[in-house]
Amino acid sequence: MSGAEAFRQAIDQIFAAGFFLSGLDYPKLCYYLYDFDAANAGPGQRIAQCILSFAEERRALYHAVIQVEAGVEYLFEQVFLTRNVATPVYGRDPAGQPTVVGQREESQTLPSRLEFDEMVAHLWQQGIRFGLNRAVIDDCLAQRKVGRFLIACPQPPVPGVDAGVQEKTAAIRRDDHPRKLSGGRVDLTQFQNRYPQIKANTALLMKTPSVPSRPGRGLDGCVIPIAAPRDFDLATLAGEGTEVREMEGQEFIVAVRDGFLSIDGETNLIAIVDKIVNREGVSVRTTGDLALQGDEYEEHGEVQERRIVTGKNLTLCNDVYGTVRSTGGRILLKQNLVGGAALNDDGPIGVEGMVSNAQVRAERGDITIQRAENALVIGRQVRIAEASRCVIVADEVDIDSAMGCAIAARSVRIARVGARASQETAISILLPDLSAFAARQDWLEKRQQEGAQKTATAQQAVAALMGDETVKRYVGLAARLKKGELQLSAEQQAGWKRLSEQAAPKLKQLNQLNAMLKALQDEQADFRGQVGALAEERNDAISGIRCRLEELSGETVVRSLIRPLNAPALASLPLEQLRTRLRAADDQTKELFSDSSGCFTWQYSARFASP
């Protein structure tokens, strides 16, 4: 035999020729029929005691099986075997005694029983070549049960398990529970951990290997096929910032740098990126309010009303109806800001679309807007292509078209300016309050005069002490002794000691006066430095103040505005108060220009400064 196929042919020939296997080991028979591999065969094994003829009268005891959904059933019943038996014929011998005088054949029907080994051969011929339940059959035969019993079932295929992935850290899971605050409170507007942060060398996913499927086998011995489990290359899931590593015989996707988890819903790539990218928008349903820890955030969906996004460098690719706030990076809005706010604590803001009924604040940064309508804009430098009915406060303002706006700045350039819906454009040129400079300068000059008087008095006292005879003698002798020009005898040393004692109080006073003079000179030098710095600061405060209106197409008024030092900053005023302040004419303002056509150029000059 070369294998299972050859063995099946041999068994089929045995049963077809009218023989059966006596003393059969059915599991071994099935093994050699279907699983035997001659190339890997071990020692030979006995599957039956012998091969016997399957007599015709015994074959007649077995009948056909009954096909059912679960397999096949067999009707067990009492069986009888009819045989022709030679019966002796009795007579009498000559002596009259009974004796056998002959024999005759008689037909006898006797109870019989089925045999498992014969049933295997019988069922083989009926196409049942696998799956017999010997325990059930033996039980029915031993107890001579009567009835239908399920005697054979096909072996169902066992499905395999597809290769998959197993999460190895809870850090990759979003936590959309309400954010927990100190004191046991919760913030219902924020999620606990919307964008997981991952540390380098963190194992993210482990590949779970596939488990092979096992085909089934029908009652006819044929294979019942089943699809093989699916497998994949783990590297196809490893995106930017990750790599596949083999550890302890398993494959893992491991983060190779710190960053934020990003999973592409279309490609299933898992990546660790420097910036957070969200495509679902910001709303109560999707993200809640966001307080971002990373440096970069990119949003492709809308930011809904009353939602707040706080981070560092923020890029919003869709319309914003809520509030975006940077703690010191940049804000870039690629679409529109409507009814919301863009706030930056320390950095620039750019809006490539329109700002409508909203506010943009970057008091320590630059602002660039394509179009603004009925907006509040406060920044260090403001550049707007088209502004209508806006309130703008900045150090420098550069606008291509301004209609019906209220503007306050140190430097203003507007290419085209006019009114909108009967509302003039009011421009306030912010002038410094120089009273503080004057007060500081007066104080410094007074201190310089006082220092000069103290210096003169101290110098006079020094001159008087230096003219004293005792001091003069001591100073002269001390100089000669120091140079080695004079050697003292014992008597002269006693006199030198008396002279030193007499001059000591005056020398001490002289040293004190010299120290005072040094301190006064240092103080005067410091005052001179402060006066110079104050002058530079004053020049900086009044430099760069200008206004240039290139074309007037409607009512426009330009005023200078000096805010008292103790007055609140314009940027801190509520919107309505700010609008009123910029359009009011009072003792803090001075009209520089008012017209509806032409152009206007003005530069701050010394005549506006305090004398």
Foldseek 3Di string as FASTA:
>chain_A
DQALVVLLVVQVVLLVVQKWFAQAPVVVSLCRNAPTHNVPDDDDDDGGDDIGGNDPQLLVQADDWDQDPFGTKGFQAWGKGKDWDKAFDWDADPVRHIDGPGTDIDIDIGTDFHDPRSVQSSVVVVLQNDFFDVVVVVVCRVVVDGGIDDGGGWFAKFAKFAKDKDFDDPLQDFAQDFDADPPRDGDLQFGNGHWGKDAFFAFGIWIDHIGFIGWIAGSNGDTHDDDTHHYDDVQQQEDEQWDWDADPNIITIGGHHIAIWDADPVSRHIYGDQEAEEEPEADSPRGGAAADDGQHYEYAHEHDDPHEYEEAEYEYADEYQEEYEHAAHEYEYAEEYEPYEYYYAAEEYEYNYEYENYEYEAQNYEYEYAEYEQYEYEYAEYEYAYYEQYEYEYQEYEYAEYELYQYEYQYYEYAEAAYDPPRGYFYAHEAEDCPVLVVVLVVLVVVLVVLVVLLVVLVVLLVVLCPDPLNVVLVVVVVCVVVVVDDDDPVVVVVNVVSCVVCVVSVVVNVVSVVVNVVSVVVNVVSVVVNVVSVVVVCVRQPPRKYKYNWFQHKYWYKYFYDDPPDDDLVPDPPVVSVCVSPDDDPRIDTDDIDRTDIDIDGDDPVVDDD
